[in-house]
PDB file of N, CA and C in Angstrom:
ATOM      1  N   MET A   1     -16.552   7.386 -26.558  1.00  0.00           N
ATOM      2  CA  MET A   1     -17.400   8.557 -26.568  1.00  0.00           C
ATOM      3  C   MET A   1     -17.011   9.450 -25.395  1.00  0.00           C
ATOM      4  N   TYR A   2     -16.895  10.726 -25.670  1.00  0.00           N
ATOM      5  CA  TYR A   2     -16.655  11.702 -24.614  1.00  0.00           C
ATOM      6  C   TYR A   2     -18.009  12.261 -24.200  1.00  0.00           C
ATOM      7  N   THR A   3     -18.287  12.184 -22.901  1.00  0.00           N
ATOM      8  CA  THR A   3     -19.589  12.584 -22.378  1.00  0.00           C
ATOM      9  C   THR A   3     -19.441  13.751 -21.407  1.00  0.00           C
ATOM     10  N   CYS A   4     -20.553  14.416 -21.144  1.00  0.00           N
ATOM     11  CA  CYS A   4     -20.581  15.527 -20.194  1.00  0.00           C
ATOM     12  C   CYS A   4     -20.321  14.989 -18.793  1.00  0.00           C
ATOM     13  N   ILE A   5     -19.401  15.600 -18.081  1.00  0.00           N
ATOM     14  CA  ILE A   5     -19.050  15.171 -16.729  1.00  0.00           C
ATOM     15  C   ILE A   5     -20.228  15.375 -15.764  1.00  0.00           C
ATOM     16  N   VAL A   6     -21.126  16.299 -16.074  1.00  0.00           N
ATOM     17  CA  VAL A   6     -22.243  16.609 -15.186  1.00  0.00           C
ATOM     18  C   VAL A   6     -23.430  15.672 -15.404  1.00  0.00           C
ATOM     19  N   CYS A   7     -23.851  15.492 -16.677  1.00  0.00           N
ATOM     20  CA  CYS A   7     -25.091  14.755 -16.931  1.00  0.00           C
ATOM     21  C   CYS A   7     -24.911  13.492 -17.765  1.00  0.00           C
ATOM     22  N   ASN A   8     -23.684  13.214 -18.200  1.00  0.00           N
ATOM     23  CA  ASN A   8     -23.374  11.993 -18.947  1.00  0.00           C
ATOM     24  C   ASN A   8     -23.880  11.998 -20.395  1.00  0.00           C
ATOM     25  N   ALA A   9     -24.316  13.135 -20.905  1.00  0.00           N
ATOM     26  CA  ALA A   9     -24.794  13.213 -22.286  1.00  0.00           C
ATOM     27  C   ALA A   9     -23.626  12.989 -23.249  1.00  0.00           C
ATOM     28  N   PRO A  10     -23.820  12.235 -24.325  1.00  0.00           N
ATOM     29  CA  PRO A  10     -22.751  12.053 -25.316  1.00  0.00           C
ATOM     30  C   PRO A  10     -22.494  13.349 -26.076  1.00  0.00           C
ATOM     31  N   LEU A  11     -21.227  13.788 -26.100  1.00  0.00           N
ATOM     32  CA  LEU A  11     -20.887  15.070 -26.718  1.00  0.00           C
ATOM     33  C   LEU A  11     -19.988  14.943 -27.939  1.00  0.00           C
ATOM     34  N   PHE A  12     -18.888  14.196 -27.799  1.00  0.00           N
ATOM     35  CA  PHE A  12     -17.892  14.098 -28.870  1.00  0.00           C
ATOM     36  C   PHE A  12     -17.443  12.649 -29.039  1.00  0.00           C
ATOM     37  N   SER A  13     -17.340  12.228 -30.275  1.00  0.00           N
ATOM     38  CA  SER A  13     -16.824  10.892 -30.573  1.00  0.00           C
ATOM     39  C   SER A  13     -15.302  10.946 -30.651  1.00  0.00           C
ATOM     40  N   SER A  14     -14.653   9.900 -30.196  1.00  0.00           N
ATOM     41  CA  SER A  14     -13.189   9.852 -30.304  1.00  0.00           C
ATOM     42  C   SER A  14     -12.751   9.852 -31.762  1.00  0.00           C
ATOM     43  N   ASP A  15     -13.650   9.495 -32.681  1.00  0.00           N
ATOM     44  CA  ASP A  15     -13.335   9.525 -34.115  1.00  0.00           C
ATOM     45  C   ASP A  15     -13.088  10.940 -34.631  1.00  0.00           C
ATOM     46  N   THR A  16     -13.591  11.956 -33.921  1.00  0.00           N
ATOM     47  CA  THR A  16     -13.430  13.343 -34.371  1.00  0.00           C
ATOM     48  C   THR A  16     -12.371  14.105 -33.572  1.00  0.00           C
ATOM     49  N   LYS A  17     -11.680  13.416 -32.677  1.00  0.00           N
ATOM     50  CA  LYS A  17     -10.621  14.043 -31.871  1.00  0.00           C
ATOM     51  C   LYS A  17      -9.358  14.183 -32.715  1.00  0.00           C
ATOM     52  N   PHE A  18      -8.658  15.290 -32.564  1.00  0.00           N
ATOM     53  CA  PHE A  18      -7.404  15.487 -33.278  1.00  0.00           C
ATOM     54  C   PHE A  18      -6.443  16.308 -32.426  1.00  0.00           C
ATOM     55  N   ASP A  19      -5.169  16.250 -32.768  1.00  0.00           N
ATOM     56  CA  ASP A  19      -4.140  16.994 -32.041  1.00  0.00           C
ATOM     57  C   ASP A  19      -3.997  18.376 -32.662  1.00  0.00           C
ATOM     58  N   SER A  20      -4.527  19.366 -31.979  1.00  0.00           N
ATOM     59  CA  SER A  20      -4.474  20.746 -32.471  1.00  0.00           C
ATOM     60  C   SER A  20      -3.207  21.457 -32.017  1.00  0.00           C
ATOM     61  N   HIS A  21      -2.382  20.795 -31.213  1.00  0.00           N
ATOM     62  CA  HIS A  21      -1.166  21.369 -30.648  1.00  0.00           C
ATOM     63  C   HIS A  21      -1.468  22.578 -29.760  1.00  0.00           C
ATOM     64  N   SER A  22      -2.697  22.610 -29.206  1.00  0.00           N
ATOM     65  CA  SER A  22      -3.093  23.712 -28.328  1.00  0.00           C
ATOM     66  C   SER A  22      -2.966  23.333 -26.856  1.00  0.00           C
ATOM     67  N   GLY A  23      -2.826  22.031 -26.580  1.00  0.00           N
ATOM     68  CA  GLY A  23      -2.789  21.574 -25.200  1.00  0.00           C
ATOM     69  C   GLY A  23      -4.168  21.247 -24.644  1.00  0.00           C
ATOM     70  N   TRP A  24      -5.216  21.516 -25.411  1.00  0.00           N
ATOM     71  CA  TRP A  24      -6.586  21.236 -25.001  1.00  0.00           C
ATOM     72  C   TRP A  24      -7.140  20.103 -25.854  1.00  0.00           C
ATOM     73  N   PRO A  25      -8.026  19.275 -25.291  1.00  0.00           N
ATOM     74  CA  PRO A  25      -8.700  18.281 -26.137  1.00  0.00           C
ATOM     75  C   PRO A  25      -9.442  19.006 -27.259  1.00  0.00           C
ATOM     76  N   SER A  26      -9.241  18.561 -28.490  1.00  0.00           N
ATOM     77  CA  SER A  26      -9.847  19.229 -29.643  1.00  0.00           C
ATOM     78  C   SER A  26     -10.588  18.222 -30.513  1.00  0.00           C
ATOM     79  N   PHE A  27     -11.730  18.659 -31.004  1.00  0.00           N
ATOM     80  CA  PHE A  27     -12.588  17.838 -31.852  1.00  0.00           C
ATOM     81  C   PHE A  27     -13.028  18.694 -33.031  1.00  0.00           C
ATOM     82  N   TYR A  28     -13.250  18.065 -34.190  1.00  0.00           N
ATOM     83  CA  TYR A  28     -13.713  18.850 -35.336  1.00  0.00           C
ATOM     84  C   TYR A  28     -15.222  18.760 -35.529  1.00  0.00           C
ATOM     85  N   ASP A  29     -15.920  17.992 -34.706  1.00  0.00           N
ATOM     86  CA  ASP A  29     -17.374  17.914 -34.807  1.00  0.00           C
ATOM     87  C   ASP A  29     -17.948  17.376 -33.500  1.00  0.00           C
ATOM     88  N   VAL A  30     -19.237  17.590 -33.304  1.00  0.00           N
ATOM     89  CA  VAL A  30     -19.950  17.079 -32.133  1.00  0.00           C
ATOM     90  C   VAL A  30     -20.508  15.695 -32.442  1.00  0.00           C
ATOM     91  N   ALA A  31     -20.901  14.975 -31.411  1.00  0.00           N
ATOM     92  CA  ALA A  31     -21.436  13.624 -31.584  1.00  0.00           C
ATOM     93  C   ALA A  31     -22.734  13.639 -32.388  1.00  0.00           C
ATOM     94  N   ASN A  32     -23.569  14.631 -32.137  1.00  0.00           N
ATOM     95  CA  ASN A  32     -24.780  14.840 -32.937  1.00  0.00           C
ATOM     96  C   ASN A  32     -25.139  16.316 -32.851  1.00  0.00           C
ATOM     97  N   SER A  33     -25.972  16.774 -33.752  1.00  0.00           N
ATOM     98  CA  SER A  33     -26.260  18.212 -33.844  1.00  0.00           C
ATOM     99  C   SER A  33     -26.960  18.766 -32.614  1.00  0.00           C
ATOM    100  N   ASP A  34     -27.543  17.906 -31.781  1.00  0.00           N
ATOM    101  CA  ASP A  34     -28.219  18.357 -30.568  1.00  0.00           C
ATOM    102  C   ASP A  34     -27.345  18.263 -29.319  1.00  0.00           C
ATOM    103  N   ALA A  35     -26.064  17.984 -29.472  1.00  0.00           N
ATOM    104  CA  ALA A  35     -25.188  17.759 -28.316  1.00  0.00           C
ATOM    105  C   ALA A  35     -24.813  19.037 -27.583  1.00  0.00           C
ATOM    106  N   VAL A  36     -24.525  20.104 -28.312  1.00  0.00           N
ATOM    107  CA  VAL A  36     -24.049  21.336 -27.679  1.00  0.00           C
ATOM    108  C   VAL A  36     -24.831  22.541 -28.176  1.00  0.00           C
ATOM    109  N   GLU A  37     -24.785  23.605 -27.379  1.00  0.00           N
ATOM    110  CA  GLU A  37     -25.333  24.898 -27.778  1.00  0.00           C
ATOM    111  C   GLU A  37     -24.183  25.887 -27.881  1.00  0.00           C
ATOM    112  N   ARG A  38     -24.333  26.854 -28.748  1.00  0.00           N
ATOM    113  CA  ARG A  38     -23.331  27.913 -28.945  1.00  0.00           C
ATOM    114  C   ARG A  38     -23.870  29.225 -28.394  1.00  0.00           C
ATOM    115  N   HIS A  39     -22.966  29.984 -27.754  1.00  0.00           N
ATOM    116  CA  HIS A  39     -23.314  31.275 -27.178  1.00  0.00           C
ATOM    117  C   HIS A  39     -22.166  32.243 -27.443  1.00  0.00           C
ATOM    118  N   THR A  40     -22.492  33.501 -27.686  1.00  0.00           N
ATOM    119  CA  THR A  40     -21.453  34.512 -27.824  1.00  0.00           C
ATOM    120  C   THR A  40     -20.853  34.802 -26.457  1.00  0.00           C
ATOM    121  N   ASP A  41     -19.540  34.782 -26.373  1.00  0.00           N
ATOM    122  CA  ASP A  41     -18.795  35.021 -25.130  1.00  0.00           C
ATOM    123  C   ASP A  41     -17.910  36.241 -25.363  1.00  0.00           C
ATOM    124  N   THR A  42     -18.198  37.335 -24.674  1.00  0.00           N
ATOM    125  CA  THR A  42     -17.404  38.557 -24.823  1.00  0.00           C
ATOM    126  C   THR A  42     -16.541  38.837 -23.594  1.00  0.00           C
ATOM    127  N   SER A  43     -16.297  37.816 -22.791  1.00  0.00           N
ATOM    128  CA  SER A  43     -15.474  38.001 -21.594  1.00  0.00           C
ATOM    129  C   SER A  43     -14.001  38.176 -21.963  1.00  0.00           C
ATOM    130  N   HIS A  44     -13.253  38.721 -21.055  1.00  0.00           N
ATOM    131  CA  HIS A  44     -11.802  38.895 -21.189  1.00  0.00           C
ATOM    132  C   HIS A  44     -11.408  39.758 -22.391  1.00  0.00           C
ATOM    133  N   GLY A  45     -12.281  40.682 -22.793  1.00  0.00           N
ATOM    134  CA  GLY A  45     -11.962  41.626 -23.854  1.00  0.00           C
ATOM    135  C   GLY A  45     -11.875  41.028 -25.248  1.00  0.00           C
ATOM    136  N   MET A  46     -12.480  39.862 -25.458  1.00  0.00           N
ATOM    137  CA  MET A  46     -12.467  39.251 -26.788  1.00  0.00           C
ATOM    138  C   MET A  46     -13.844  38.667 -27.083  1.00  0.00           C
ATOM    139  N   GLU A  47     -14.089  38.371 -28.357  1.00  0.00           N
ATOM    140  CA  GLU A  47     -15.340  37.731 -28.740  1.00  0.00           C
ATOM    141  C   GLU A  47     -15.057  36.319 -29.219  1.00  0.00           C
ATOM    142  N   ARG A  48     -15.676  35.353 -28.537  1.00  0.00           N
ATOM    143  CA  ARG A  48     -15.513  33.945 -28.877  1.00  0.00           C
ATOM    144  C   ARG A  48     -16.875  33.277 -28.864  1.00  0.00           C
ATOM    145  N   ILE A  49     -16.919  32.048 -29.349  1.00  0.00           N
ATOM    146  CA  ILE A  49     -18.147  31.268 -29.291  1.00  0.00           C
ATOM    147  C   ILE A  49     -17.971  30.194 -28.219  1.00  0.00           C
ATOM    148  N   GLU A  50     -18.720  30.332 -27.131  1.00  0.00           N
ATOM    149  CA  GLU A  50     -18.711  29.351 -26.055  1.00  0.00           C
ATOM    150  C   GLU A  50     -19.608  28.183 -26.440  1.00  0.00           C
ATOM    151  N   VAL A  51     -19.221  26.973 -26.037  1.00  0.00           N
ATOM    152  CA  VAL A  51     -20.094  25.822 -26.211  1.00  0.00           C
ATOM    153  C   VAL A  51     -20.448  25.260 -24.839  1.00  0.00           C
ATOM    154  N   THR A  52     -21.732  24.915 -24.705  1.00  0.00           N
ATOM    155  CA  THR A  52     -22.240  24.337 -23.473  1.00  0.00           C
ATOM    156  C   THR A  52     -22.991  23.056 -23.807  1.00  0.00           C
ATOM    157  N   CYS A  53     -23.108  22.180 -22.828  1.00  0.00           N
ATOM    158  CA  CYS A  53     -23.885  20.961 -22.993  1.00  0.00           C
ATOM    159  C   CYS A  53     -25.354  21.346 -23.170  1.00  0.00           C
ATOM    160  N   LYS A  54     -25.963  20.913 -24.237  1.00  0.00           N
ATOM    161  CA  LYS A  54     -27.364  21.263 -24.484  1.00  0.00           C
ATOM    162  C   LYS A  54     -28.289  20.620 -23.462  1.00  0.00           C
ATOM    163  N   ASN A  55     -27.894  19.482 -22.920  1.00  0.00           N
ATOM    164  CA  ASN A  55     -28.737  18.777 -21.963  1.00  0.00           C
ATOM    165  C   ASN A  55     -28.791  19.472 -20.605  1.00  0.00           C
ATOM    166  N   CYS A  56     -27.632  19.902 -20.077  1.00  0.00           N
ATOM    167  CA  CYS A  56     -27.614  20.459 -18.717  1.00  0.00           C
ATOM    168  C   CYS A  56     -27.067  21.885 -18.618  1.00  0.00           C
ATOM    169  N   GLY A  57     -26.477  22.402 -19.708  1.00  0.00           N
ATOM    170  CA  GLY A  57     -25.971  23.767 -19.696  1.00  0.00           C
ATOM    171  C   GLY A  57     -24.551  23.933 -19.194  1.00  0.00           C
ATOM    172  N   ALA A  58     -23.861  22.839 -18.882  1.00  0.00           N
ATOM    173  CA  ALA A  58     -22.486  22.933 -18.366  1.00  0.00           C
ATOM    174  C   ALA A  58     -21.551  23.554 -19.405  1.00  0.00           C
ATOM    175  N   HIS A  59     -20.666  24.427 -18.955  1.00  0.00           N
ATOM    176  CA  HIS A  59     -19.653  25.020 -19.837  1.00  0.00           C
ATOM    177  C   HIS A  59     -18.679  23.933 -20.284  1.00  0.00           C
ATOM    178  N   LEU A  60     -18.428  23.870 -21.598  1.00  0.00           N
ATOM    179  CA  LEU A  60     -17.506  22.878 -22.144  1.00  0.00           C
ATOM    180  C   LEU A  60     -16.216  23.497 -22.661  1.00  0.00           C
ATOM    181  N   GLY A  61     -16.293  24.652 -23.250  1.00  0.00           N
ATOM    182  CA  GLY A  61     -15.132  25.288 -23.858  1.00  0.00           C
ATOM    183  C   GLY A  61     -15.588  26.251 -24.934  1.00  0.00           C
ATOM    184  N   HIS A  62     -14.818  26.317 -26.027  1.00  0.00           N
ATOM    185  CA  HIS A  62     -15.109  27.240 -27.123  1.00  0.00           C
ATOM    186  C   HIS A  62     -14.897  26.546 -28.462  1.00  0.00           C
ATOM    187  N   VAL A  63     -15.493  27.102 -29.503  1.00  0.00           N
ATOM    188  CA  VAL A  63     -15.289  26.581 -30.850  1.00  0.00           C
ATOM    189  C   VAL A  63     -14.679  27.698 -31.699  1.00  0.00           C
ATOM    190  N   PHE A  64     -13.674  27.321 -32.491  1.00  0.00           N
ATOM    191  CA  PHE A  64     -12.938  28.274 -33.322  1.00  0.00           C
ATOM    192  C   PHE A  64     -12.955  27.811 -34.777  1.00  0.00           C
ATOM    193  N   PRO A  65     -12.800  28.741 -35.718  1.00  0.00           N
ATOM    194  CA  PRO A  65     -12.843  28.394 -37.146  1.00  0.00           C
ATOM    195  C   PRO A  65     -11.498  27.967 -37.722  1.00  0.00           C
ATOM    196  N   ASP A  66     -10.654  27.341 -36.918  1.00  0.00           N
ATOM    197  CA  ASP A  66      -9.311  26.967 -37.403  1.00  0.00           C
ATOM    198  C   ASP A  66      -9.050  25.467 -37.296  1.00  0.00           C
ATOM    199  N   GLY A  67     -10.109  24.683 -37.441  1.00  0.00           N
ATOM    200  CA  GLY A  67      -9.986  23.229 -37.395  1.00  0.00           C
ATOM    201  C   GLY A  67      -9.564  22.662 -38.738  1.00  0.00           C
ATOM    202  N   PRO A  68      -9.514  21.348 -38.846  1.00  0.00           N
ATOM    203  CA  PRO A  68      -9.096  20.705 -40.090  1.00  0.00           C
ATOM    204  C   PRO A  68      -9.990  21.109 -41.270  1.00  0.00           C
ATOM    205  N   GLU A  69      -9.375  21.691 -42.284  1.00  0.00           N
ATOM    206  CA  GLU A  69     -10.132  22.166 -43.445  1.00  0.00           C
ATOM    207  C   GLU A  69     -10.767  21.038 -44.232  1.00  0.00           C
ATOM    208  N   ASP A  70     -10.172  19.850 -44.197  1.00  0.00           N
ATOM    209  CA  ASP A  70     -10.740  18.723 -44.940  1.00  0.00           C
ATOM    210  C   ASP A  70     -11.899  18.060 -44.190  1.00  0.00           C
ATOM    211  N   LYS A  71     -12.219  18.576 -43.002  1.00  0.00           N
ATOM    212  CA  LYS A  71     -13.347  18.061 -42.207  1.00  0.00           C
ATOM    213  C   LYS A  71     -14.392  19.178 -42.118  1.00  0.00           C
ATOM    214  N   THR A  72     -14.633  19.724 -40.940  1.00  0.00           N
ATOM    215  CA  THR A  72     -15.631  20.783 -40.753  1.00  0.00           C
ATOM    216  C   THR A  72     -15.020  22.175 -40.760  1.00  0.00           C
ATOM    217  N   GLY A  73     -13.695  22.268 -40.589  1.00  0.00           N
ATOM    218  CA  GLY A  73     -13.047  23.565 -40.467  1.00  0.00           C
ATOM    219  C   GLY A  73     -13.176  24.157 -39.079  1.00  0.00           C
ATOM    220  N   GLU A  74     -13.803  23.424 -38.168  1.00  0.00           N
ATOM    221  CA  GLU A  74     -13.991  23.922 -36.812  1.00  0.00           C
ATOM    222  C   GLU A  74     -13.115  23.157 -35.826  1.00  0.00           C
ATOM    223  N   ARG A  75     -12.756  23.858 -34.748  1.00  0.00           N
ATOM    224  CA  ARG A  75     -11.987  23.245 -33.659  1.00  0.00           C
ATOM    225  C   ARG A  75     -12.738  23.500 -32.369  1.00  0.00           C
ATOM    226  N   TYR A  76     -13.336  22.458 -31.833  1.00  0.00           N
ATOM    227  CA  TYR A  76     -13.966  22.535 -30.526  1.00  0.00           C
ATOM    228  C   TYR A  76     -12.855  22.353 -29.507  1.00  0.00           C
ATOM    229  N   CYS A  77     -12.500  23.417 -28.827  1.00  0.00           N
ATOM    230  CA  CYS A  77     -11.430  23.445 -27.834  1.00  0.00           C
ATOM    231  C   CYS A  77     -12.103  23.258 -26.475  1.00  0.00           C
ATOM    232  N   ILE A  78     -11.987  22.059 -25.919  1.00  0.00           N
ATOM    233  CA  ILE A  78     -12.804  21.664 -24.778  1.00  0.00           C
ATOM    234  C   ILE A  78     -11.961  21.485 -23.519  1.00  0.00           C
ATOM    235  N   ASN A  79     -12.498  21.951 -22.406  1.00  0.00           N
ATOM    236  CA  ASN A  79     -11.842  21.803 -21.114  1.00  0.00           C
ATOM    237  C   ASN A  79     -11.906  20.326 -20.712  1.00  0.00           C
ATOM    238  N   SER A  80     -10.769  19.732 -20.459  1.00  0.00           N
ATOM    239  CA  SER A  80     -10.731  18.291 -20.160  1.00  0.00           C
ATOM    240  C   SER A  80     -11.528  17.914 -18.916  1.00  0.00           C
ATOM    241  N   VAL A  81     -11.673  18.820 -17.939  1.00  0.00           N
ATOM    242  CA  VAL A  81     -12.449  18.481 -16.744  1.00  0.00           C
ATOM    243  C   VAL A  81     -13.947  18.485 -17.015  1.00  0.00           C
ATOM    244  N   ALA A  82     -14.378  18.958 -18.192  1.00  0.00           N
ATOM    245  CA  ALA A  82     -15.792  18.959 -18.550  1.00  0.00           C
ATOM    246  C   ALA A  82     -16.223  17.635 -19.166  1.00  0.00           C
ATOM    247  N   LEU A  83     -15.245  16.745 -19.430  1.00  0.00           N
ATOM    248  CA  LEU A  83     -15.528  15.507 -20.147  1.00  0.00           C
ATOM    249  C   LEU A  83     -15.234  14.266 -19.332  1.00  0.00           C
ATOM    250  N   ASP A  84     -15.985  13.224 -19.643  1.00  0.00           N
ATOM    251  CA  ASP A  84     -15.698  11.883 -19.147  1.00  0.00           C
ATOM    252  C   ASP A  84     -15.562  11.007 -20.411  1.00  0.00           C
ATOM    253  N   PHE A  85     -14.813   9.935 -20.332  1.00  0.00           N
ATOM    254  CA  PHE A  85     -14.618   9.062 -21.486  1.00  0.00           C
ATOM    255  C   PHE A  85     -15.280   7.727 -21.223  1.00  0.00           C
ATOM    256  N   LYS A  86     -16.118   7.306 -22.159  1.00  0.00           N
ATOM    257  CA  LYS A  86     -16.795   6.013 -22.055  1.00  0.00           C
ATOM    258  C   LYS A  86     -16.336   5.142 -23.209  1.00  0.00           C
ATOM    259  N   LYS A  87     -15.782   3.972 -22.897  1.00  0.00           N
ATOM    260  CA  LYS A  87     -15.386   3.033 -23.942  1.00  0.00           C
ATOM    261  C   LYS A  87     -16.619   2.476 -24.636  1.00  0.00           C
ATOM    262  N   LYS A  88     -16.445   1.989 -25.850  1.00  0.00           N
ATOM    263  CA  LYS A  88     -17.585   1.479 -26.624  1.00  0.00           C
ATOM    264  C   LYS A  88     -18.309   0.338 -25.934  1.00  0.00           C
ATOM    265  N   ASN A  89     -17.598  -0.466 -25.143  1.00  0.00           N
ATOM    266  CA  ASN A  89     -18.234  -1.583 -24.460  1.00  0.00           C
ATOM    267  C   ASN A  89     -18.934  -1.159 -23.173  1.00  0.00           C
ATOM    268  N   GLY A  90     -18.974   0.152 -22.918  1.00  0.00           N
ATOM    269  CA  GLY A  90     -19.708   0.666 -21.748  1.00  0.00           C
ATOM    270  C   GLY A  90     -18.888   0.833 -20.488  1.00  0.00           C
ATOM    271  N   ASP A  91     -17.591   0.510 -20.529  1.00  0.00           N
ATOM    272  CA  ASP A  91     -16.746   0.646 -19.341  1.00  0.00           C
ATOM    273  C   ASP A  91     -16.462   2.100 -19.033  1.00  0.00           C
TER     274      ASP A  91
END
């Protein structure tokens, strides 16, 4: 499970991670529907959808509509420093 580096909330399952060839950790879905919030981001002269941890508000990255079509069609492009990895056995 990938968790929020700030508050340890579960955000993304390793089962939904995929190689988007973008250089960023990418997931096609969140761990549960209450894991993240979406916000319109108009910084840097573009419009994107920012995702933040719903529990603490930490910036995680952005979500784009170019993910795997056979899954959700979404690509959560997440900053690796925003995540911690917890093995299933709790390590």
